[in-house]
PDB file of N, CA and C in Angstrom:
ATOM      1  N   MET A   1     -64.394  -1.454 -21.708  1.00  0.00           N
ATOM      2  CA  MET A   1     -63.839  -2.580 -22.121  1.00  0.00           C
ATOM      3  C   MET A   1     -64.373  -3.865 -21.576  1.00  0.00           C
ATOM      4  N   VAL A   2     -64.760  -4.777 -22.203  1.00  0.00           N
ATOM      5  CA  VAL A   2     -65.142  -6.074 -21.508  1.00  0.00           C
ATOM      6  C   VAL A   2     -64.034  -7.193 -21.836  1.00  0.00           C
ATOM      7  N   GLU A   3     -63.578  -7.663 -20.867  1.00  0.00           N
ATOM      8  CA  GLU A   3     -62.735  -8.942 -20.962  1.00  0.00           C
ATOM      9  C   GLU A   3     -63.284 -10.128 -21.220  1.00  0.00           C
ATOM     10  N   GLU A   4     -62.817 -10.850 -22.236  1.00  0.00           N
ATOM     11  CA  GLU A   4     -63.139 -12.298 -22.380  1.00  0.00           C
ATOM     12  C   GLU A   4     -62.536 -13.205 -21.590  1.00  0.00           C
ATOM     13  N   PRO A   5     -63.104 -14.214 -20.977  1.00  0.00           N
ATOM     14  CA  PRO A   5     -62.343 -15.220 -20.021  1.00  0.00           C
ATOM     15  C   PRO A   5     -61.570 -16.162 -21.143  1.00  0.00           C
ATOM     16  N   GLU A   6     -60.318 -16.480 -20.813  1.00  0.00           N
ATOM     17  CA  GLU A   6     -59.547 -17.350 -21.537  1.00  0.00           C
ATOM     18  C   GLU A   6     -60.006 -18.664 -21.589  1.00  0.00           C
ATOM     19  N   ARG A   7     -59.919 -19.181 -22.832  1.00  0.00           N
ATOM     20  CA  ARG A   7     -60.460 -20.505 -22.879  1.00  0.00           C
ATOM     21  C   ARG A   7     -59.339 -21.572 -23.025  1.00  0.00           C
ATOM     22  N   ALA A   8     -59.553 -22.627 -22.549  1.00  0.00           N
ATOM     23  CA  ALA A   8     -58.483 -23.661 -22.601  1.00  0.00           C
ATOM     24  C   ALA A   8     -58.369 -24.280 -24.155  1.00  0.00           C
ATOM     25  N   PRO A   9     -57.178 -24.449 -24.537  1.00  0.00           N
ATOM     26  CA  PRO A   9     -56.808 -24.754 -25.794  1.00  0.00           C
ATOM     27  C   PRO A   9     -57.261 -26.101 -26.100  1.00  0.00           C
ATOM     28  N   GLU A  10     -57.785 -26.299 -27.431  1.00  0.00           N
ATOM     29  CA  GLU A  10     -58.462 -27.572 -27.433  1.00  0.00           C
ATOM     30  C   GLU A  10     -57.335 -28.673 -27.533  1.00  0.00           C
ATOM     31  N   GLN A  11     -57.742 -29.906 -27.161  1.00  0.00           N
ATOM     32  CA  GLN A  11     -56.701 -30.903 -27.218  1.00  0.00           C
ATOM     33  C   GLN A  11     -56.767 -31.610 -28.587  1.00  0.00           C
ATOM     34  N   PRO A  12     -55.618 -32.174 -28.803  1.00  0.00           N
ATOM     35  CA  PRO A  12     -55.544 -32.997 -30.142  1.00  0.00           C
ATOM     36  C   PRO A  12     -56.673 -34.254 -30.227  1.00  0.00           C
ATOM     37  N   ALA A  13     -57.008 -34.658 -31.161  1.00  0.00           N
ATOM     38  CA  ALA A  13     -57.799 -35.865 -31.268  1.00  0.00           C
ATOM     39  C   ALA A  13     -57.371 -37.028 -30.728  1.00  0.00           C
ATOM     40  N   GLU A  14     -56.003 -37.180 -30.679  1.00  0.00           N
ATOM     41  CA  GLU A  14     -55.406 -38.539 -30.009  1.00  0.00           C
ATOM     42  C   GLU A  14     -55.794 -38.570 -28.518  1.00  0.00           C
ATOM     43  N   ALA A  15     -55.473 -37.259 -27.887  1.00  0.00           N
ATOM     44  CA  ALA A  15     -55.801 -37.232 -26.269  1.00  0.00           C
ATOM     45  C   ALA A  15     -57.338 -37.595 -26.038  1.00  0.00           C
ATOM     46  N   ALA A  16     -58.161 -37.216 -26.958  1.00  0.00           N
ATOM     47  CA  ALA A  16     -59.677 -37.141 -26.667  1.00  0.00           C
ATOM     48  C   ALA A  16     -60.182 -38.763 -26.870  1.00  0.00           C
ATOM     49  N   GLU A  17     -59.298 -39.337 -27.705  1.00  0.00           N
ATOM     50  CA  GLU A  17     -59.598 -40.808 -27.995  1.00  0.00           C
ATOM     51  C   GLU A  17     -59.061 -41.700 -26.836  1.00  0.00           C
ATOM     52  N   ALA A  18     -58.134 -41.436 -26.133  1.00  0.00           N
ATOM     53  CA  ALA A  18     -57.288 -42.232 -25.296  1.00  0.00           C
ATOM     54  C   ALA A  18     -58.385 -42.513 -24.026  1.00  0.00           C
ATOM     55  N   PRO A  19     -58.319 -43.888 -23.550  1.00  0.00           N
ATOM     56  CA  PRO A  19     -59.319 -44.453 -22.561  1.00  0.00           C
ATOM     57  C   PRO A  19     -59.062 -43.518 -21.252  1.00  0.00           C
ATOM     58  N   ARG A  20     -59.860 -43.228 -20.540  1.00  0.00           N
ATOM     59  CA  ARG A  20     -59.807 -42.468 -19.221  1.00  0.00           C
ATOM     60  C   ARG A  20     -59.379 -43.621 -18.211  1.00  0.00           C
ATOM     61  N   GLN A  21     -58.662 -43.077 -17.227  1.00  0.00           N
ATOM     62  CA  GLN A  21     -58.450 -43.731 -15.996  1.00  0.00           C
ATOM     63  C   GLN A  21     -59.487 -43.692 -15.114  1.00  0.00           C
ATOM     64  N   ARG A  22     -59.953 -44.753 -14.580  1.00  0.00           N
ATOM     65  CA  ARG A  22     -61.137 -44.749 -13.548  1.00  0.00           C
ATOM     66  C   ARG A  22     -60.585 -44.751 -12.209  1.00  0.00           C
ATOM     67  N   LYS A  23     -60.904 -43.720 -11.449  1.00  0.00           N
ATOM     68  CA  LYS A  23     -60.672 -43.767  -9.747  1.00  0.00           C
ATOM     69  C   LYS A  23     -61.638 -44.560  -9.235  1.00  0.00           C
ATOM     70  N   ARG A  24     -61.070 -45.043  -7.998  1.00  0.00           N
ATOM     71  CA  ARG A  24     -62.020 -45.839  -7.149  1.00  0.00           C
ATOM     72  C   ARG A  24     -62.843 -44.785  -6.661  1.00  0.00           C
ATOM     73  N   ARG A  25     -64.164 -45.441  -6.676  1.00  0.00           N
ATOM     74  CA  ARG A  25     -65.203 -44.585  -6.192  1.00  0.00           C
ATOM     75  C   ARG A  25     -65.321 -44.569  -4.641  1.00  0.00           C
ATOM     76  N   TYR A  26     -65.122 -45.877  -4.016  1.00  0.00           N
ATOM     77  CA  TYR A  26     -65.195 -46.353  -2.642  1.00  0.00           C
ATOM     78  C   TYR A  26     -63.869 -46.479  -2.050  1.00  0.00           C
ATOM     79  N   GLY A  27     -64.069 -46.615  -0.845  1.00  0.00           N
ATOM     80  CA  GLY A  27     -62.720 -46.953   0.130  1.00  0.00           C
ATOM     81  C   GLY A  27     -62.453 -48.319   0.118  1.00  0.00           C
ATOM     82  N   ARG A  28     -61.830 -48.848   1.138  1.00  0.00           N
ATOM     83  CA  ARG A  28     -61.588 -50.140   1.312  1.00  0.00           C
ATOM     84  C   ARG A  28     -62.881 -51.046   1.287  1.00  0.00           C
ATOM     85  N   ARG A  29     -62.489 -52.455   1.107  1.00  0.00           N
ATOM     86  CA  ARG A  29     -63.600 -53.316   1.128  1.00  0.00           C
ATOM     87  C   ARG A  29     -63.809 -53.640   2.650  1.00  0.00           C
ATOM     88  N   ARG A  30     -65.111 -53.772   3.101  1.00  0.00           N
ATOM     89  CA  ARG A  30     -65.584 -54.016   4.363  1.00  0.00           C
ATOM     90  C   ARG A  30     -64.972 -55.224   4.707  1.00  0.00           C
ATOM     91  N   LYS A  31     -64.570 -55.350   6.041  1.00  0.00           N
ATOM     92  CA  LYS A  31     -64.048 -56.618   6.715  1.00  0.00           C
ATOM     93  C   LYS A  31     -65.281 -57.512   6.940  1.00  0.00           C
ATOM     94  N   VAL A  32     -64.802 -58.700   7.119  1.00  0.00           N
ATOM     95  CA  VAL A  32     -65.903 -59.684   7.332  1.00  0.00           C
ATOM     96  C   VAL A  32     -65.900 -60.036   8.958  1.00  0.00           C
ATOM     97  N   CYS A  33     -66.807 -60.026   9.658  1.00  0.00           N
ATOM     98  CA  CYS A  33     -66.781 -60.708  11.100  1.00  0.00           C
ATOM     99  C   CYS A  33     -66.209 -61.859  11.037  1.00  0.00           C
ATOM    100  N   PRO A  34     -64.917 -62.019  12.046  1.00  0.00           N
ATOM    101  CA  PRO A  34     -64.309 -63.331  12.207  1.00  0.00           C
ATOM    102  C   PRO A  34     -65.153 -64.233  12.986  1.00  0.00           C
ATOM    103  N   VAL A  35     -65.928 -63.826  13.758  1.00  0.00           N
ATOM    104  CA  VAL A  35     -66.897 -64.828  14.528  1.00  0.00           C
ATOM    105  C   VAL A  35     -67.934 -65.417  13.473  1.00  0.00           C
ATOM    106  N   CYS A  36     -68.536 -64.589  12.641  1.00  0.00           N
ATOM    107  CA  CYS A  36     -69.681 -65.130  11.561  1.00  0.00           C
ATOM    108  C   CYS A  36     -68.763 -66.011  10.627  1.00  0.00           C
ATOM    109  N   ALA A  37     -67.643 -65.576  10.122  1.00  0.00           N
ATOM    110  CA  ALA A  37     -66.833 -66.299   9.423  1.00  0.00           C
ATOM    111  C   ALA A  37     -66.411 -67.794   9.655  1.00  0.00           C
ATOM    112  N   GLU A  38     -66.117 -67.779  10.926  1.00  0.00           N
ATOM    113  CA  GLU A  38     -65.739 -69.151  11.622  1.00  0.00           C
ATOM    114  C   GLU A  38     -67.016 -69.813  12.056  1.00  0.00           C
ATOM    115  N   GLN A  39     -68.107 -69.198  12.040  1.00  0.00           N
ATOM    116  CA  GLN A  39     -69.270 -69.860  12.415  1.00  0.00           C
ATOM    117  C   GLN A  39     -69.520 -70.391  13.766  1.00  0.00           C
ATOM    118  N   ILE A  40     -69.115 -69.376  14.778  1.00  0.00           N
ATOM    119  CA  ILE A  40     -69.021 -69.784  16.187  1.00  0.00           C
ATOM    120  C   ILE A  40     -70.449 -69.519  16.685  1.00  0.00           C
ATOM    121  N   LYS A  41     -70.861 -70.500  17.348  1.00  0.00           N
ATOM    122  CA  LYS A  41     -72.338 -70.569  17.800  1.00  0.00           C
ATOM    123  C   LYS A  41     -72.325 -69.763  19.062  1.00  0.00           C
ATOM    124  N   ARG A  42     -71.386 -69.934  19.815  1.00  0.00           N
ATOM    125  CA  ARG A  42     -71.633 -69.332  21.407  1.00  0.00           C
ATOM    126  C   ARG A  42     -70.196 -68.886  21.624  1.00  0.00           C
ATOM    127  N   ILE A  43     -70.016 -67.487  22.060  1.00  0.00           N
ATOM    128  CA  ILE A  43     -68.740 -66.813  22.503  1.00  0.00           C
ATOM    129  C   ILE A  43     -68.594 -67.301  24.078  1.00  0.00           C
ATOM    130  N   ASP A  44     -67.728 -68.016  24.514  1.00  0.00           N
ATOM    131  CA  ASP A  44     -67.776 -68.521  25.819  1.00  0.00           C
ATOM    132  C   ASP A  44     -66.491 -67.757  26.573  1.00  0.00           C
ATOM    133  N   TYR A  45     -66.780 -67.256  27.717  1.00  0.00           N
ATOM    134  CA  TYR A  45     -65.711 -66.626  28.448  1.00  0.00           C
ATOM    135  C   TYR A  45     -64.688 -67.342  28.862  1.00  0.00           C
ATOM    136  N   LYS A  46     -64.656 -68.571  28.979  1.00  0.00           N
ATOM    137  CA  LYS A  46     -63.699 -69.539  29.353  1.00  0.00           C
ATOM    138  C   LYS A  46     -62.605 -69.901  28.174  1.00  0.00           C
ATOM    139  N   ASN A  47     -62.979 -69.382  27.045  1.00  0.00           N
ATOM    140  CA  ASN A  47     -62.133 -69.849  25.800  1.00  0.00           C
ATOM    141  C   ASN A  47     -61.174 -68.531  25.871  1.00  0.00           C
ATOM    142  N   THR A  48     -60.196 -68.488  26.448  1.00  0.00           N
ATOM    143  CA  THR A  48     -59.292 -67.262  26.587  1.00  0.00           C
ATOM    144  C   THR A  48     -58.405 -67.148  25.195  1.00  0.00           C
ATOM    145  N   ALA A  49     -58.001 -68.237  24.848  1.00  0.00           N
ATOM    146  CA  ALA A  49     -57.131 -68.196  23.592  1.00  0.00           C
ATOM    147  C   ALA A  49     -58.011 -67.407  22.481  1.00  0.00           C
ATOM    148  N   PHE A  50     -59.205 -67.711  22.269  1.00  0.00           N
ATOM    149  CA  PHE A  50     -60.056 -67.090  21.416  1.00  0.00           C
ATOM    150  C   PHE A  50     -60.274 -65.489  21.593  1.00  0.00           C
ATOM    151  N   LEU A  51     -60.562 -65.300  22.766  1.00  0.00           N
ATOM    152  CA  LEU A  51     -60.783 -63.904  23.264  1.00  0.00           C
ATOM    153  C   LEU A  51     -59.580 -63.054  23.207  1.00  0.00           C
ATOM    154  N   ARG A  52     -58.490 -63.511  23.492  1.00  0.00           N
ATOM    155  CA  ARG A  52     -57.148 -62.943  23.441  1.00  0.00           C
ATOM    156  C   ARG A  52     -56.918 -62.267  22.108  1.00  0.00           C
ATOM    157  N   ARG A  53     -57.292 -62.861  20.981  1.00  0.00           N
ATOM    158  CA  ARG A  53     -57.339 -62.364  19.485  1.00  0.00           C
ATOM    159  C   ARG A  53     -58.126 -61.049  19.564  1.00  0.00           C
ATOM    160  N   PHE A  54     -58.809 -60.713  20.280  1.00  0.00           N
ATOM    161  CA  PHE A  54     -59.653 -59.423  20.196  1.00  0.00           C
ATOM    162  C   PHE A  54     -59.226 -58.326  21.204  1.00  0.00           C
ATOM    163  N   LEU A  55     -58.044 -58.643  21.909  1.00  0.00           N
ATOM    164  CA  LEU A  55     -57.504 -57.683  22.865  1.00  0.00           C
ATOM    165  C   LEU A  55     -56.231 -57.064  22.050  1.00  0.00           C
ATOM    166  N   THR A  56     -55.850 -55.880  22.647  1.00  0.00           N
ATOM    167  CA  THR A  56     -54.553 -55.153  22.171  1.00  0.00           C
ATOM    168  C   THR A  56     -53.545 -55.699  23.020  1.00  0.00           C
ATOM    169  N   ASP A  57     -52.200 -55.355  22.871  1.00  0.00           N
ATOM    170  CA  ASP A  57     -51.172 -55.895  23.665  1.00  0.00           C
ATOM    171  C   ASP A  57     -51.117 -55.187  24.886  1.00  0.00           C
ATOM    172  N   ARG A  58     -51.859 -54.061  25.033  1.00  0.00           N
ATOM    173  CA  ARG A  58     -52.242 -53.371  26.350  1.00  0.00           C
ATOM    174  C   ARG A  58     -53.382 -54.025  27.013  1.00  0.00           C
ATOM    175  N   GLY A  59     -54.190 -54.920  26.527  1.00  0.00           N
ATOM    176  CA  GLY A  59     -55.147 -55.695  27.334  1.00  0.00           C
ATOM    177  C   GLY A  59     -56.505 -55.000  27.070  1.00  0.00           C
ATOM    178  N   ARG A  60     -56.575 -54.018  26.033  1.00  0.00           N
ATOM    179  CA  ARG A  60     -57.778 -53.347  25.699  1.00  0.00           C
ATOM    180  C   ARG A  60     -58.677 -53.894  24.712  1.00  0.00           C
ATOM    181  N   ILE A  61     -59.984 -53.816  24.657  1.00  0.00           N
ATOM    182  CA  ILE A  61     -60.684 -54.498  23.555  1.00  0.00           C
ATOM    183  C   ILE A  61     -60.599 -53.736  22.431  1.00  0.00           C
ATOM    184  N   GLU A  62     -60.302 -54.371  21.221  1.00  0.00           N
ATOM    185  CA  GLU A  62     -60.157 -53.759  20.092  1.00  0.00           C
ATOM    186  C   GLU A  62     -61.545 -53.158  19.504  1.00  0.00           C
ATOM    187  N   SER A  63     -61.544 -52.098  18.724  1.00  0.00           N
ATOM    188  CA  SER A  63     -62.916 -51.695  18.214  1.00  0.00           C
ATOM    189  C   SER A  63     -63.532 -52.533  17.172  1.00  0.00           C
ATOM    190  N   ARG A  64     -64.646 -52.271  16.797  1.00  0.00           N
ATOM    191  CA  ARG A  64     -65.287 -52.860  15.665  1.00  0.00           C
ATOM    192  C   ARG A  64     -64.786 -52.470  14.289  1.00  0.00           C
ATOM    193  N   ARG A  65     -64.570 -51.208  14.284  1.00  0.00           N
ATOM    194  CA  ARG A  65     -63.890 -50.624  13.007  1.00  0.00           C
ATOM    195  C   ARG A  65     -62.593 -51.410  12.613  1.00  0.00           C
ATOM    196  N   LYS A  66     -61.833 -51.705  13.749  1.00  0.00           N
ATOM    197  CA  LYS A  66     -60.517 -52.337  13.262  1.00  0.00           C
ATOM    198  C   LYS A  66     -60.689 -53.682  13.092  1.00  0.00           C
ATOM    199  N   LEU A  67     -61.370 -54.540  13.922  1.00  0.00           N
ATOM    200  CA  LEU A  67     -61.685 -55.960  13.753  1.00  0.00           C
ATOM    201  C   LEU A  67     -62.449 -56.184  12.625  1.00  0.00           C
ATOM    202  N   GLY A  68     -63.693 -55.364  12.552  1.00  0.00           N
ATOM    203  CA  GLY A  68     -64.559 -55.951  11.483  1.00  0.00           C
ATOM    204  C   GLY A  68     -65.570 -56.674  12.029  1.00  0.00           C
ATOM    205  N   THR A  69     -65.949 -56.698  13.305  1.00  0.00           N
ATOM    206  CA  THR A  69     -67.121 -57.532  13.802  1.00  0.00           C
ATOM    207  C   THR A  69     -68.057 -57.039  13.612  1.00  0.00           C
ATOM    208  N   CYS A  70     -69.399 -57.726  13.539  1.00  0.00           N
ATOM    209  CA  CYS A  70     -70.717 -57.238  13.526  1.00  0.00           C
ATOM    210  C   CYS A  70     -71.158 -56.657  14.890  1.00  0.00           C
ATOM    211  N   ALA A  71     -72.153 -55.869  14.901  1.00  0.00           N
ATOM    212  CA  ALA A  71     -72.480 -55.419  16.388  1.00  0.00           C
ATOM    213  C   ALA A  71     -72.978 -56.322  17.257  1.00  0.00           C
ATOM    214  N   LYS A  72     -73.588 -57.378  16.792  1.00  0.00           N
ATOM    215  CA  LYS A  72     -73.993 -58.337  17.715  1.00  0.00           C
ATOM    216  C   LYS A  72     -72.852 -59.379  18.372  1.00  0.00           C
ATOM    217  N   HIS A  73     -71.815 -59.475  17.482  1.00  0.00           N
ATOM    218  CA  HIS A  73     -70.753 -60.229  17.973  1.00  0.00           C
ATOM    219  C   HIS A  73     -69.703 -59.341  18.797  1.00  0.00           C
ATOM    220  N   GLN A  74     -69.730 -58.129  18.593  1.00  0.00           N
ATOM    221  CA  GLN A  74     -68.928 -57.200  19.423  1.00  0.00           C
ATOM    222  C   GLN A  74     -69.411 -57.023  20.680  1.00  0.00           C
ATOM    223  N   ARG A  75     -70.809 -57.027  20.991  1.00  0.00           N
ATOM    224  CA  ARG A  75     -71.363 -56.950  22.235  1.00  0.00           C
ATOM    225  C   ARG A  75     -71.046 -58.252  23.079  1.00  0.00           C
ATOM    226  N   ALA A  76     -71.273 -59.384  22.355  1.00  0.00           N
ATOM    227  CA  ALA A  76     -70.949 -60.618  22.967  1.00  0.00           C
ATOM    228  C   ALA A  76     -69.469 -60.762  23.377  1.00  0.00           C
ATOM    229  N   LEU A  77     -68.618 -60.372  22.583  1.00  0.00           N
ATOM    230  CA  LEU A  77     -67.139 -60.497  22.836  1.00  0.00           C
ATOM    231  C   LEU A  77     -66.802 -59.557  24.011  1.00  0.00           C
ATOM    232  N   ALA A  78     -67.370 -58.339  23.976  1.00  0.00           N
ATOM    233  CA  ALA A  78     -67.191 -57.406  25.154  1.00  0.00           C
ATOM    234  C   ALA A  78     -67.685 -58.000  26.547  1.00  0.00           C
ATOM    235  N   ARG A  79     -68.829 -58.511  26.287  1.00  0.00           N
ATOM    236  CA  ARG A  79     -69.289 -59.268  27.569  1.00  0.00           C
ATOM    237  C   ARG A  79     -68.622 -60.428  27.855  1.00  0.00           C
ATOM    238  N   ALA A  80     -68.100 -61.277  27.182  1.00  0.00           N
ATOM    239  CA  ALA A  80     -67.282 -62.510  27.443  1.00  0.00           C
ATOM    240  C   ALA A  80     -65.877 -62.089  27.985  1.00  0.00           C
ATOM    241  N   ILE A  81     -65.301 -60.963  27.328  1.00  0.00           N
ATOM    242  CA  ILE A  81     -64.072 -60.606  27.885  1.00  0.00           C
ATOM    243  C   ILE A  81     -64.082 -59.937  29.241  1.00  0.00           C
ATOM    244  N   LYS A  82     -65.199 -59.152  29.514  1.00  0.00           N
ATOM    245  CA  LYS A  82     -65.321 -58.691  30.767  1.00  0.00           C
ATOM    246  C   LYS A  82     -65.538 -59.670  31.862  1.00  0.00           C
ATOM    247  N   ARG A  83     -66.265 -60.709  31.433  1.00  0.00           N
ATOM    248  CA  ARG A  83     -66.527 -61.771  32.500  1.00  0.00           C
ATOM    249  C   ARG A  83     -65.156 -62.590  32.757  1.00  0.00           C
ATOM    250  N   ALA A  84     -64.538 -62.837  31.842  1.00  0.00           N
ATOM    251  CA  ALA A  84     -63.148 -63.395  31.795  1.00  0.00           C
ATOM    252  C   ALA A  84     -62.258 -62.659  32.854  1.00  0.00           C
ATOM    253  N   ARG A  85     -62.271 -61.170  32.625  1.00  0.00           N
ATOM    254  CA  ARG A  85     -61.382 -60.477  33.472  1.00  0.00           C
ATOM    255  C   ARG A  85     -61.879 -60.556  34.880  1.00  0.00           C
ATOM    256  N   HIS A  86     -63.151 -60.753  34.966  1.00  0.00           N
ATOM    257  CA  HIS A  86     -63.696 -60.690  36.487  1.00  0.00           C
ATOM    258  C   HIS A  86     -63.315 -61.880  37.079  1.00  0.00           C
ATOM    259  N   VAL A  87     -63.225 -62.928  36.553  1.00  0.00           N
ATOM    260  CA  VAL A  87     -62.832 -64.213  37.052  1.00  0.00           C
ATOM    261  C   VAL A  87     -61.391 -64.498  36.893  1.00  0.00           C
ATOM    262  N   ALA A  88     -60.437 -63.600  36.622  1.00  0.00           N
ATOM    263  CA  ALA A  88     -59.127 -63.556  36.323  1.00  0.00           C
ATOM    264  C   ALA A  88     -58.609 -64.566  35.479  1.00  0.00           C
ATOM    265  N   LEU A  89     -59.318 -64.605  34.283  1.00  0.00           N
ATOM    266  CA  LEU A  89     -58.775 -65.463  33.311  1.00  0.00           C
ATOM    267  C   LEU A  89     -57.846 -64.556  32.181  1.00  0.00           C
ATOM    268  N   LEU A  90     -58.425 -63.470  32.238  1.00  0.00           N
ATOM    269  CA  LEU A  90     -57.792 -62.208  31.100  1.00  0.00           C
ATOM    270  C   LEU A  90     -57.303 -61.267  32.040  1.00  0.00           C
ATOM    271  N   PRO A  91     -56.218 -60.437  31.585  1.00  0.00           N
ATOM    272  CA  PRO A  91     -55.813 -59.157  32.445  1.00  0.00           C
ATOM    273  C   PRO A  91     -56.628 -58.092  32.351  1.00  0.00           C
ATOM    274  N   PHE A  92     -56.702 -57.205  33.227  1.00  0.00           N
ATOM    275  CA  PHE A  92     -57.548 -55.944  33.267  1.00  0.00           C
ATOM    276  C   PHE A  92     -56.536 -54.798  32.410  1.00  0.00           C
ATOM    277  N   THR A  93     -55.283 -54.683  32.710  1.00  0.00           N
ATOM    278  CA  THR A  93     -54.402 -53.680  32.377  1.00  0.00           C
ATOM    279  C   THR A  93     -53.104 -54.095  31.883  1.00  0.00           C
ATOM    280  N   ALA A  94     -52.316 -53.262  31.111  1.00  0.00           N
ATOM    281  CA  ALA A  94     -50.946 -53.475  30.860  1.00  0.00           C
ATOM    282  C   ALA A  94     -50.093 -54.094  31.842  1.00  0.00           C
ATOM    283  N   GLU A  95     -50.413 -53.335  33.134  1.00  0.00           N
ATOM    284  CA  GLU A  95     -49.520 -53.804  34.344  1.00  0.00           C
ATOM    285  C   GLU A  95     -49.778 -55.222  34.914  1.00  0.00           C
ATOM    286  N   HIS A  96     -50.967 -55.689  34.584  1.00  0.00           N
ATOM    287  CA  HIS A  96     -51.251 -57.254  34.850  1.00  0.00           C
ATOM    288  C   HIS A  96     -50.407 -57.932  33.760  1.00  0.00           C
ATOM    289  N   ILE A  97     -50.553 -57.558  32.618  1.00  0.00           N
ATOM    290  CA  ILE A  97     -49.776 -58.184  31.541  1.00  0.00           C
ATOM    291  C   ILE A  97     -48.080 -58.420  31.932  1.00  0.00           C
ATOM    292  N   ARG A  98     -47.639 -57.217  32.347  1.00  0.00           N
ATOM    293  CA  ARG A  98     -46.360 -57.309  32.656  1.00  0.00           C
ATOM    294  C   ARG A  98     -45.886 -58.145  33.955  1.00  0.00           C
ATOM    295  N   LYS A  99     -46.518 -57.929  34.944  1.00  0.00           N
ATOM    296  CA  LYS A  99     -46.413 -58.794  36.088  1.00  0.00           C
ATOM    297  C   LYS A  99     -46.684 -60.470  35.751  1.00  0.00           C
ATOM    298  N   MET A 100     -47.895 -60.585  35.216  1.00  0.00           N
ATOM    299  CA  MET A 100     -48.150 -62.279  34.921  1.00  0.00           C
ATOM    300  C   MET A 100     -47.436 -62.962  33.757  1.00  0.00           C
ATOM    301  N   GLY A 101     -46.937 -61.960  32.819  1.00  0.00           N
ATOM    302  CA  GLY A 101     -46.272 -62.546  31.732  1.00  0.00           C
ATOM    303  C   GLY A 101     -47.229 -63.092  30.717  1.00  0.00           C
ATOM    304  N   TRP A 102     -48.438 -62.580  30.503  1.00  0.00           N
ATOM    305  CA  TRP A 102     -49.266 -63.175  29.466  1.00  0.00           C
ATOM    306  C   TRP A 102     -48.756 -63.327  28.108  1.00  0.00           C
ATOM    307  N   PRO A 103     -48.998 -64.218  27.428  1.00  0.00           N
ATOM    308  CA  PRO A 103     -48.487 -64.375  25.961  1.00  0.00           C
ATOM    309  C   PRO A 103     -49.273 -63.318  25.042  1.00  0.00           C
ATOM    310  N   SER A 104     -48.625 -62.849  24.196  1.00  0.00           N
ATOM    311  CA  SER A 104     -49.165 -61.809  23.356  1.00  0.00           C
ATOM    312  C   SER A 104     -50.247 -62.433  22.537  1.00  0.00           C
ATOM    313  N   PRO A 105     -51.145 -61.778  22.344  1.00  0.00           N
ATOM    314  CA  PRO A 105     -52.310 -62.346  21.366  1.00  0.00           C
ATOM    315  C   PRO A 105     -51.840 -62.276  19.982  1.00  0.00           C
ATOM    316  N   THR A 106     -52.410 -63.409  19.161  1.00  0.00           N
ATOM    317  CA  THR A 106     -52.299 -63.637  17.808  1.00  0.00           C
ATOM    318  C   THR A 106     -53.142 -62.698  16.943  1.00  0.00           C
ATOM    319  N   PRO A 107     -52.814 -62.136  15.961  1.00  0.00           N
ATOM    320  CA  PRO A 107     -53.613 -61.026  15.278  1.00  0.00           C
ATOM    321  C   PRO A 107     -54.781 -61.824  14.578  1.00  0.00           C
ATOM    322  N   VAL A 108     -56.024 -61.030  14.333  1.00  0.00           N
ATOM    323  CA  VAL A 108     -56.920 -61.506  13.629  1.00  0.00           C
ATOM    324  C   VAL A 108     -56.541 -61.142  12.195  1.00  0.00           C
ATOM    325  N   SER A 109     -56.713 -62.038  11.309  1.00  0.00           N
ATOM    326  CA  SER A 109     -56.497 -61.912   9.835  1.00  0.00           C
ATOM    327  C   SER A 109     -57.745 -61.715   8.976  1.00  0.00           C
TER     328      SER A 109
END
């Protein structure tokens, strides 16, 4: 005996005519580089208020994926932050933040 596979029952005409719900094909919209958006010509290591926006509360440099910065500006930011740390304008670790009482950075929107 050969068994036939079960077929799905046909849907009524009303269900076939109903508009289909479109699913999002892609994920979130790509973030815009905050440095490009503000049209900053040069990232200076002495501008600690600006650089602090790109640090976590523990003093680490935020990733490109989280910030949305382009590769060119992420490299420049990392270089400027490291220079500022070297001349003691920015903290190296969370321990320095606790001892020195650095203000918390304002988030990048």
